[in-house]
């Protein structure tokens, strides 16, 4: 009986998959289009997205290691990001990858070159510019198609053969022909992105950098659709490769669903980023709002602790909304010690302890208790601790897929933005209450005076 590890999966021409790609349908639901926001704010958020995508696309290839905090630091370009990137040995690769995503952004804004081999070569040269050698020590020719056949081992230990090097040019021609046919039919940008992504990975035209350039190229339709790059996080490598493998077997819908999920998730982060950046600009932190409300009240004023508890309840209600996905996976949110206000993070924080319970039947069952602390300062991140405040600091995402088997980079980015947005929302609510209280007492002019 042959050893499965020695069996080779032959290369299947792109044309074999044409019917499947023309028949596949985009998942229901629209990707939220970008908000009508000031140009400066849009440009700032756009740059954060491109930086995050650029950093993660190299990490998923193992060029360097990333982490939840690391990606956020690089994306926001906060103090210390350059030192952190240098320490990780990622500076050259990140610079190249960022330049490639910027090139796609510029391409989308003024398209004068069709999506094809010329653009693919250019993006490969850009995305891999600082890599001078291959793993075997040979010089790495950027933008040059491979000169020899290659393969990879799939998750079952079998050899997966990529396109024979003599057929790379014709196979890419076939892939781009299909792409333009799909484009001409008004095909969903989600399907177009999934197809480009899979086709480059399937052909594997270069000696190295195929994954990097595939993700960059696949960002063209998503940038045109909603101004967002295709974001694939390094700590979600397993489901990513499974989607590519399924498409290689003709199950192209798996790749389409994966792409749609990436865009849907990223659009949520974009929404939070807008709210978070506005909160910084508004500078309505909760601490000053509580102080203003106390001053507006008659003596004796409502104690700060009571106001804090009311603010905390608003956060709990918002947290319930964010965790609504629990019901869809037979889970529940249980508040524990509801009357307790934690002091983690000092006096400038509001805490609530919750238990997140995911019940069987699920592939992975998880039960955990977490202390969630939101800072009153809108420029500080949310903190989520395991246990009752004495455990190891750990951030928890609001998506089940981001919590299994461990917290993801995406979860950290979402939580950070959620905290800042909540700080602004809660601060604004307190400011409105303070204004209404002062107006009722006659200590400030009425709105119509």
Protein backbone atom coordinates (compact mmCIF):
# COMPACT_ATOMS: atom_id res chain seq x y z
CA UNK A 1 0.00 0.00 0.00
CA UNK A 2 1.51 3.35 -1.00
CA UNK A 3 2.49 5.83 1.67
CA UNK A 4 0.08 8.84 1.52
CA UNK A 5 3.03 11.14 2.14
CA UNK A 6 4.63 9.91 -1.07
CA UNK A 7 1.52 10.37 -3.22
CA UNK A 8 1.62 13.45 -5.39
CA UNK A 9 -1.47 15.48 -6.19
CA UNK A 10 -1.08 16.47 -9.85
CA UNK A 11 -1.50 20.05 -10.94
CA UNK A 12 -4.96 20.83 -12.29
CA UNK A 13 -5.13 23.53 -14.98
CA UNK A 14 -7.00 26.74 -14.21
CA UNK A 15 -9.49 25.94 -16.98
CA UNK A 16 -10.71 22.92 -15.00
CA UNK A 17 -12.17 25.28 -12.40
CA UNK A 18 -13.78 27.80 -14.75
CA UNK A 19 -17.33 26.45 -14.50
CA UNK A 20 -17.15 26.38 -10.70
CA UNK A 21 -16.12 30.03 -10.50
CA UNK A 22 -18.85 31.12 -12.92
CA UNK A 23 -21.47 29.19 -10.93
CA UNK A 24 -20.48 30.26 -7.40
CA UNK A 25 -22.65 32.84 -5.66
CA UNK A 26 -21.61 35.55 -3.24
CA UNK A 27 -22.80 35.00 0.34
CA UNK A 28 -25.96 36.94 1.27
CA UNK A 29 -25.54 40.36 2.84
CA UNK A 30 -23.71 43.42 1.65
CA UNK A 31 -20.37 44.62 2.87
CA UNK A 32 -20.90 47.98 4.53
CA UNK A 33 -19.59 50.78 2.35
CA UNK A 34 -17.33 53.39 3.86
CA UNK A 35 -18.96 56.16 5.86
CA UNK A 36 -19.12 59.73 4.68
CA UNK A 37 -16.39 61.08 6.93
CA UNK A 38 -13.94 64.00 6.74
CA UNK A 39 -11.10 63.40 4.30
CA UNK A 40 -8.44 63.64 7.03
CA UNK A 41 -10.17 60.99 9.15
CA UNK A 42 -10.68 58.66 6.18
CA UNK A 43 -7.03 58.94 5.16
CA UNK A 44 -5.88 58.19 8.71
CA UNK A 45 -8.05 55.08 8.99
CA UNK A 46 -7.11 53.93 5.48
CA UNK A 47 -3.43 54.13 6.38
CA UNK A 48 -4.01 52.07 9.54
CA UNK A 49 -5.72 49.36 7.49
CA UNK A 50 -2.91 49.21 4.94
CA UNK A 51 -0.23 49.07 7.65
CA UNK A 52 -2.04 46.28 9.49
CA UNK A 53 -2.49 44.28 6.28
CA UNK A 54 1.14 44.81 5.31
CA UNK A 55 2.44 43.63 8.67
CA UNK A 56 0.21 40.57 8.86
CA UNK A 57 0.87 39.41 5.29
CA UNK A 58 4.54 38.80 6.09
CA UNK A 59 3.82 37.26 9.47
CA UNK A 60 1.51 34.65 8.00
CA UNK A 61 4.43 33.47 5.83
CA UNK A 62 6.67 33.11 8.87
CA UNK A 63 9.03 35.91 7.80
CA UNK A 64 8.78 37.24 11.35
CA UNK A 65 6.48 36.87 14.32
CA UNK A 66 3.53 39.11 15.00
CA UNK A 67 1.22 39.43 17.96
CA UNK A 68 -2.02 41.20 18.84
CA UNK A 69 -0.31 44.18 20.45
CA UNK A 70 2.38 44.28 17.79
CA UNK A 71 -0.06 44.59 14.91
CA UNK A 72 -1.98 47.35 16.66
CA UNK A 73 1.26 49.21 17.41
CA UNK A 74 2.38 49.04 13.79
CA UNK A 75 -1.06 49.90 12.40
CA UNK A 76 -1.41 53.01 14.54
CA UNK A 77 2.27 54.01 14.08
CA UNK A 78 2.43 54.90 17.75
CA UNK A 79 5.69 55.69 19.51
CA UNK A 80 8.02 52.69 19.57
CA UNK A 81 6.62 50.91 16.52
CA UNK A 82 9.85 51.24 14.51
CA UNK A 83 11.96 49.78 17.32
CA UNK A 84 9.49 46.91 17.71
CA UNK A 85 9.55 46.13 13.99
CA UNK A 86 13.34 46.25 13.95
CA UNK A 87 13.56 43.94 16.97
CA UNK A 88 11.30 41.45 15.19
CA UNK A 89 13.55 41.52 12.13
CA UNK A 90 10.62 42.71 10.05
CA UNK A 91 11.69 46.17 8.90
CA UNK A 92 12.69 45.40 5.31
CA UNK A 93 9.80 43.03 4.67
CA UNK A 94 7.24 45.38 6.20
CA UNK A 95 8.55 48.32 4.16
CA UNK A 96 8.18 46.30 0.94
CA UNK A 97 4.74 44.95 1.78
CA UNK A 98 3.46 48.36 2.82
CA UNK A 99 4.72 49.81 -0.45
CA UNK A 100 2.85 47.09 -2.37
CA UNK A 101 -0.44 47.88 -0.62
CA UNK A 102 0.12 51.59 -1.29
CA UNK A 103 0.65 50.70 -4.94
CA UNK A 104 -2.71 48.90 -5.00
CA UNK A 105 -4.37 51.91 -3.39
CA UNK A 106 -2.92 54.17 -6.08
CA UNK A 107 -3.85 51.66 -8.80
CA UNK A 108 -7.48 51.64 -7.72
CA UNK A 109 -7.63 55.44 -7.67
CA UNK A 110 -6.45 55.75 -11.27
CA UNK A 111 -6.64 52.50 -13.17
CA UNK A 112 -4.79 52.68 -16.48
CA UNK A 113 -3.25 49.20 -16.56
CA UNK A 114 -5.40 46.04 -16.78
CA UNK A 115 -5.08 43.38 -14.12
CA UNK A 116 -2.66 40.94 -15.70
CA UNK A 117 0.87 39.59 -15.75
CA UNK A 118 2.54 42.98 -16.01
CA UNK A 119 0.82 44.26 -12.86
CA UNK A 120 1.49 40.96 -11.09
CA UNK A 121 5.23 41.17 -11.79
CA UNK A 122 5.36 44.78 -10.63
CA UNK A 123 3.57 44.01 -7.36
CA UNK A 124 5.88 41.05 -6.76
CA UNK A 125 8.94 43.22 -7.27
CA UNK A 126 7.52 45.77 -4.84
CA UNK A 127 6.37 43.33 -2.16
CA UNK A 128 9.66 41.37 -2.08
CA UNK A 129 12.24 44.08 -2.82
CA UNK A 130 14.36 43.63 0.30
CA UNK A 131 14.55 39.83 0.09
CA UNK A 132 17.77 39.04 -1.77
CA UNK A 133 17.99 35.25 -1.46
CA UNK A 134 15.77 32.17 -1.33
CA UNK A 135 15.80 29.61 1.48
CA UNK A 136 18.36 27.57 -0.46
CA UNK A 137 20.70 30.56 -0.74
CA UNK A 138 20.11 31.22 -4.42
CA UNK A 139 19.55 34.82 -5.53
CA UNK A 140 15.91 35.84 -5.54
CA UNK A 141 14.85 37.39 -8.84
CA UNK A 142 11.94 39.70 -8.13
CA UNK A 143 9.19 39.63 -10.71
CA UNK A 144 10.72 36.67 -12.54
CA UNK A 145 8.64 33.54 -13.01
CA UNK A 146 10.07 30.36 -11.53
CA UNK A 147 12.61 28.37 -13.54
CA UNK A 148 11.87 24.97 -12.02
CA UNK A 149 8.90 22.94 -10.83
CA UNK A 150 7.96 22.98 -7.18
CA UNK A 151 5.48 21.51 -4.74
CA UNK A 152 4.32 21.76 -1.14
CA UNK A 153 3.04 19.23 1.34
CA UNK A 154 -0.62 19.55 2.24
CA UNK A 155 -2.04 18.99 5.73
CA UNK A 156 -2.32 15.25 5.00
CA UNK A 157 1.37 14.94 4.16
CA UNK A 158 0.80 14.58 0.42
CA UNK A 159 2.79 16.44 -2.19
CA UNK A 160 0.77 19.16 -3.84
CA UNK A 161 2.28 19.97 -7.21
CA UNK A 162 2.14 23.55 -8.42
CA UNK A 163 2.04 24.63 -12.05
CA UNK A 164 4.96 23.28 -14.14
CA UNK A 165 7.31 26.17 -14.75
CA UNK A 166 7.01 25.92 -18.55
CA UNK A 167 3.24 26.49 -18.30
CA UNK A 168 3.25 29.43 -15.87
CA UNK A 169 2.77 32.09 -18.54
CA UNK A 170 -0.12 30.34 -20.29
CA UNK A 171 -1.82 29.44 -16.99
CA UNK A 172 -1.68 33.03 -15.81
CA UNK A 173 -3.14 34.13 -19.15
CA UNK A 174 -5.97 31.68 -18.59
CA UNK A 175 -6.51 32.96 -15.03
CA UNK A 176 -6.63 36.61 -16.05
CA UNK A 177 -8.93 35.82 -18.99
CA UNK A 178 -11.40 34.23 -16.57
CA UNK A 179 -11.04 37.19 -14.22
CA UNK A 180 -11.92 39.69 -16.95
CA UNK A 181 -14.83 37.55 -18.10
CA UNK A 182 -16.17 37.51 -14.54
CA UNK A 183 -15.58 41.25 -14.28
CA UNK A 184 -17.48 41.86 -17.51
CA UNK A 185 -20.49 39.99 -16.14
CA UNK A 186 -20.68 42.31 -13.13
CA UNK A 187 -19.56 39.59 -10.73
CA UNK A 188 -19.40 40.47 -7.05
CA UNK A 189 -16.03 41.98 -6.02
CA UNK A 190 -15.97 39.38 -3.24
CA UNK A 191 -15.86 36.59 -5.83
CA UNK A 192 -13.34 38.51 -7.94
CA UNK A 193 -11.05 38.90 -4.94
CA UNK A 194 -11.41 35.25 -3.95
CA UNK A 195 -10.64 34.15 -7.51
CA UNK A 196 -7.51 36.28 -7.89
CA UNK A 197 -6.27 35.16 -4.49
CA UNK A 198 -6.80 31.48 -5.21
CA UNK A 199 -5.53 31.60 -8.83
CA UNK A 200 -2.13 33.07 -7.92
CA UNK A 201 -1.74 30.66 -5.00
CA UNK A 202 -2.77 27.76 -7.24
CA UNK A 203 -0.38 28.56 -10.10
CA UNK A 204 2.44 29.60 -7.73
CA UNK A 205 4.31 31.47 -10.48
CA UNK A 206 7.30 32.71 -8.44
CA UNK A 207 10.10 31.02 -6.52
CA UNK A 208 8.91 32.79 -3.36
CA UNK A 209 6.48 35.51 -2.31
CA UNK A 210 3.44 33.94 -3.96
CA UNK A 211 1.23 34.29 -0.90
CA UNK A 212 2.28 37.88 -0.32
CA UNK A 213 1.60 38.97 -3.88
CA UNK A 214 -1.67 36.98 -4.03
CA UNK A 215 -3.07 38.84 -1.02
CA UNK A 216 -1.95 42.18 -2.41
CA UNK A 217 -3.45 41.51 -5.85
CA UNK A 218 -6.68 40.21 -4.30
CA UNK A 219 -7.04 43.56 -2.52
CA UNK A 220 -7.79 45.35 -5.79
CA UNK A 221 -11.49 44.33 -5.93
CA UNK A 222 -11.97 44.85 -2.18
CA UNK A 223 -10.37 48.30 -2.34
CA UNK A 224 -12.67 49.19 -5.22
CA UNK A 225 -15.70 47.84 -3.34
CA UNK A 226 -15.22 49.35 0.10
CA UNK A 227 -11.75 50.91 0.28
CA UNK A 228 -10.41 48.00 2.35
CA UNK A 229 -7.48 45.67 1.65
CA UNK A 230 -7.88 41.92 2.04
CA UNK A 231 -6.80 41.33 5.64
CA UNK A 232 -5.63 37.82 6.59
CA UNK A 233 -4.21 37.51 10.09
CA UNK A 234 -1.26 35.26 10.83
CA UNK A 235 -3.00 33.58 13.75
CA UNK A 236 -5.83 32.51 11.44
CA UNK A 237 -3.50 30.58 9.14
CA UNK A 238 -5.30 27.24 9.56
CA UNK A 239 -8.77 28.26 8.28
CA UNK A 240 -7.06 30.31 5.58
CA UNK A 241 -5.14 27.32 4.20
CA UNK A 242 -8.22 25.13 4.52
CA UNK A 243 -10.17 27.54 2.30
CA UNK A 244 -7.39 27.49 -0.32
CA UNK A 245 -7.19 23.69 -0.17
CA UNK A 246 -10.95 23.38 -0.62
CA UNK A 247 -10.82 25.63 -3.69
CA UNK A 248 -8.01 23.48 -5.12
CA UNK A 249 -10.43 20.57 -4.85
CA UNK A 250 -13.13 22.47 -6.73
CA UNK A 251 -15.04 23.72 -3.67
CA UNK A 252 -14.55 27.36 -4.59
CA UNK A 253 -17.42 28.53 -2.38
CA UNK A 254 -15.15 27.98 0.64
CA UNK A 255 -12.75 30.63 -0.63
CA UNK A 256 -15.60 33.01 -1.37
CA UNK A 257 -17.03 32.57 2.13
CA UNK A 258 -13.60 33.12 3.66
CA UNK A 259 -13.15 36.35 1.70
CA UNK A 260 -16.61 37.61 2.59
CA UNK A 261 -15.98 36.90 6.27
CA UNK A 262 -12.68 38.79 6.13
CA UNK A 263 -14.38 41.84 4.61
CA UNK A 264 -17.33 41.72 6.98
CA UNK A 265 -15.05 41.55 9.99
CA UNK A 266 -12.81 44.33 8.71
CA UNK A 267 -15.77 46.60 8.00
CA UNK A 268 -16.71 46.29 11.68
CA UNK A 269 -13.23 47.34 12.71
CA UNK A 270 -13.39 50.29 10.32
CA UNK A 271 -16.64 51.43 11.92
CA UNK A 272 -15.07 51.25 15.38
CA UNK A 273 -11.95 53.05 14.17
CA UNK A 274 -14.01 55.97 12.92
CA UNK A 275 -15.82 56.19 16.24
CA UNK A 276 -12.57 55.80 18.19
CA UNK A 277 -10.73 58.49 16.25
CA UNK A 278 -13.67 60.84 16.65
CA UNK A 279 -13.59 60.20 20.39
CA UNK A 280 -9.96 61.30 20.54
CA UNK A 281 -10.79 64.44 18.57
CA UNK A 282 -13.81 65.18 20.78
CA UNK A 283 -11.75 64.64 23.95
CA UNK A 284 -14.89 63.76 25.92
CA UNK A 285 -13.32 61.38 28.42
CA UNK A 286 -15.53 59.89 31.10
CA UNK A 287 -13.64 61.37 34.04
CA UNK A 288 -14.28 64.98 33.02
CA UNK A 289 -17.89 64.14 32.13
CA UNK A 290 -18.53 62.74 35.62
CA UNK A 291 -17.00 65.84 37.18
CA UNK A 292 -19.14 68.12 35.01
CA UNK A 293 -22.29 66.21 35.93
CA UNK A 294 -21.51 66.49 39.65
CA UNK A 295 -21.04 70.24 39.33
CA UNK A 296 -24.36 70.57 37.50
CA UNK A 297 -26.33 68.81 40.26
CA UNK A 298 -27.78 70.36 43.36
CA UNK A 299 -25.93 69.81 46.62
CA UNK A 300 -25.41 67.22 47.84
CA UNK A 301 -24.45 65.96 44.40
CA UNK A 302 -24.81 62.35 43.37
CA UNK A 303 -21.68 60.51 44.57
CA UNK A 304 -19.10 59.76 41.90
CA UNK A 305 -19.40 56.06 42.75
CA UNK A 306 -23.13 56.07 41.93
CA UNK A 307 -22.48 57.83 38.62
CA UNK A 308 -19.77 55.31 37.87
CA UNK A 309 -22.20 52.46 38.49
CA UNK A 310 -24.70 54.00 36.09
CA UNK A 311 -21.98 54.39 33.45
CA UNK A 312 -20.96 50.83 34.09
CA UNK A 313 -24.51 49.63 33.44
CA UNK A 314 -24.53 51.38 30.07
CA UNK A 315 -21.29 49.58 29.23
CA UNK A 316 -22.86 46.26 30.28
CA UNK A 317 -25.84 46.89 28.00
CA UNK A 318 -23.51 47.71 25.11
CA UNK A 319 -21.43 44.65 25.91
CA UNK A 320 -24.54 42.49 25.65
CA UNK A 321 -25.19 43.90 22.20
CA UNK A 322 -21.61 43.20 21.12
CA UNK A 323 -21.87 39.64 22.44
CA UNK A 324 -25.16 38.88 20.69
CA UNK A 325 -23.31 36.25 18.63
CA UNK A 326 -23.30 34.03 21.74
CA UNK A 327 -26.92 33.08 21.21
CA UNK A 328 -26.19 31.90 17.67
CA UNK A 329 -23.64 29.40 18.96
CA UNK A 330 -25.73 28.30 21.95
CA UNK A 331 -23.82 30.46 24.37
CA UNK A 332 -24.79 32.84 27.12
CA UNK A 333 -23.46 35.92 28.88
CA UNK A 334 -23.70 35.78 32.67
CA UNK A 335 -22.89 38.75 34.87
CA UNK A 336 -21.04 37.75 38.02
CA UNK A 337 -20.97 39.90 41.20
CA UNK A 338 -22.92 42.60 39.42
CA UNK A 339 -22.72 45.01 42.35
CA UNK A 340 -18.93 44.96 42.41
CA UNK A 341 -16.93 47.81 40.88
CA UNK A 342 -13.38 46.67 40.25
CA UNK A 343 -10.47 49.01 40.82
CA UNK A 344 -8.09 47.38 38.36
CA UNK A 345 -6.29 50.08 36.46
CA UNK A 346 -6.69 52.55 39.34
CA UNK A 347 -9.53 54.94 40.04
CA UNK A 348 -9.73 55.88 36.36
CA UNK A 349 -11.39 52.64 35.26
CA UNK A 350 -14.78 50.96 35.30
CA UNK A 351 -14.88 47.20 35.63
CA UNK A 352 -17.48 44.50 35.22
CA UNK A 353 -16.99 40.78 35.69
CA UNK A 354 -18.71 38.45 33.26
CA UNK A 355 -18.75 34.76 32.48
CA UNK A 356 -18.75 33.78 28.82
CA UNK A 357 -20.16 30.28 28.43
CA UNK A 358 -20.16 28.36 25.16
CA UNK A 359 -22.13 25.13 25.37
CA UNK A 360 -21.85 21.95 23.31
CA UNK A 361 -22.39 20.81 20.64
CA UNK A 362 -19.56 22.76 19.11
CA UNK A 363 -16.21 21.66 17.61
CA UNK A 364 -14.46 23.48 20.44
CA UNK A 365 -16.12 24.03 23.79
CA UNK A 366 -14.93 26.93 25.90
CA UNK A 367 -16.00 28.24 29.27
CA UNK A 368 -14.23 31.12 30.90
CA UNK A 369 -14.68 34.01 33.27
CA UNK A 370 -13.20 37.38 32.45
CA UNK A 371 -12.97 40.72 34.21
CA UNK A 372 -13.55 43.44 31.64
CA UNK A 373 -12.14 46.88 32.41
CA UNK A 374 -12.86 49.93 30.28
CA UNK A 375 -10.75 52.98 30.97
CA UNK A 376 -12.42 56.35 31.41
CA UNK A 377 -9.65 57.76 29.26
CA UNK A 378 -10.68 57.35 25.57
CA UNK A 379 -7.04 57.06 24.51
CA UNK A 380 -6.44 53.94 26.58
CA UNK A 381 -7.31 50.43 25.51
CA UNK A 382 -9.87 48.06 26.95
CA UNK A 383 -8.45 45.45 29.31
CA UNK A 384 -9.79 41.96 29.72
CA UNK A 385 -8.36 39.77 32.44
CA UNK A 386 -8.84 36.06 32.96
CA UNK A 387 -10.17 35.02 36.35
CA UNK A 388 -11.35 37.56 38.89
CA UNK A 389 -8.70 40.19 38.51
CA UNK A 390 -5.69 38.22 39.67
CA UNK A 391 -5.13 36.09 36.60
CA UNK A 392 -2.97 36.61 33.58
CA UNK A 393 -3.88 39.65 31.49
CA UNK A 394 -5.68 38.51 28.39
CA UNK A 395 -7.79 40.22 25.76
CA UNK A 396 -11.05 38.65 24.67
CA UNK A 397 -12.64 39.19 21.30
CA UNK A 398 -16.35 39.56 20.68
CA UNK A 399 -16.41 36.94 17.91
CA UNK A 400 -16.44 33.23 18.64
CA UNK A 401 -14.11 32.53 15.73
CA UNK A 402 -11.61 34.97 17.23
CA UNK A 403 -11.68 33.19 20.58
CA UNK A 404 -10.95 29.70 19.30
CA UNK A 405 -8.55 28.26 20.18
CA UNK A 406 -7.00 31.52 21.45
CA UNK A 407 -7.50 35.24 21.14
CA UNK A 408 -6.65 36.58 17.71
CA UNK A 409 -4.93 39.73 16.50
CA UNK A 410 -8.23 40.74 15.00
CA UNK A 411 -9.86 40.44 18.41
CA UNK A 412 -7.34 42.83 19.93
CA UNK A 413 -7.85 45.39 17.19
CA UNK A 414 -11.63 45.21 17.56
CA UNK A 415 -11.53 45.44 21.34
CA UNK A 416 -9.18 48.39 21.34
CA UNK A 417 -11.40 50.35 18.98
CA UNK A 418 -14.52 49.28 20.87
CA UNK A 419 -13.09 50.64 24.12
CA UNK A 420 -12.31 54.03 22.61
CA UNK A 421 -15.70 54.25 20.92
CA UNK A 422 -17.44 53.31 24.18
CA UNK A 423 -15.47 55.94 26.09
CA UNK A 424 -16.74 58.60 23.73
CA UNK A 425 -20.31 57.31 23.78
CA UNK A 426 -20.48 57.12 27.57
CA UNK A 427 -18.74 60.47 27.97
CA UNK A 428 -21.16 62.13 25.54
CA UNK A 429 -24.16 60.67 27.38
CA UNK A 430 -22.89 62.07 30.67
CA UNK A 431 -22.21 65.46 29.09
CA UNK A 432 -25.79 65.59 27.77
CA UNK A 433 -27.12 64.67 31.19
CA UNK A 434 -24.99 67.37 32.82
CA UNK A 435 -26.25 69.96 30.33
CA UNK A 436 -29.89 68.95 30.87
CA UNK A 437 -29.46 69.04 34.65
CA UNK A 438 -27.86 72.49 34.58
CA UNK A 439 -30.53 73.78 32.20
CA UNK A 440 -33.32 72.51 34.48
CA UNK A 441 -31.74 74.32 37.44
CA UNK A 442 -31.44 77.53 35.43
CA UNK A 443 -27.65 77.58 35.70
CA UNK A 444 -27.23 77.68 31.92
CA UNK A 445 -29.32 79.19 29.12
CA UNK A 446 -31.98 77.01 27.54
CA UNK A 447 -31.21 75.74 24.05
CA UNK A 448 -33.75 78.08 22.41
CA UNK A 449 -32.53 81.21 24.19
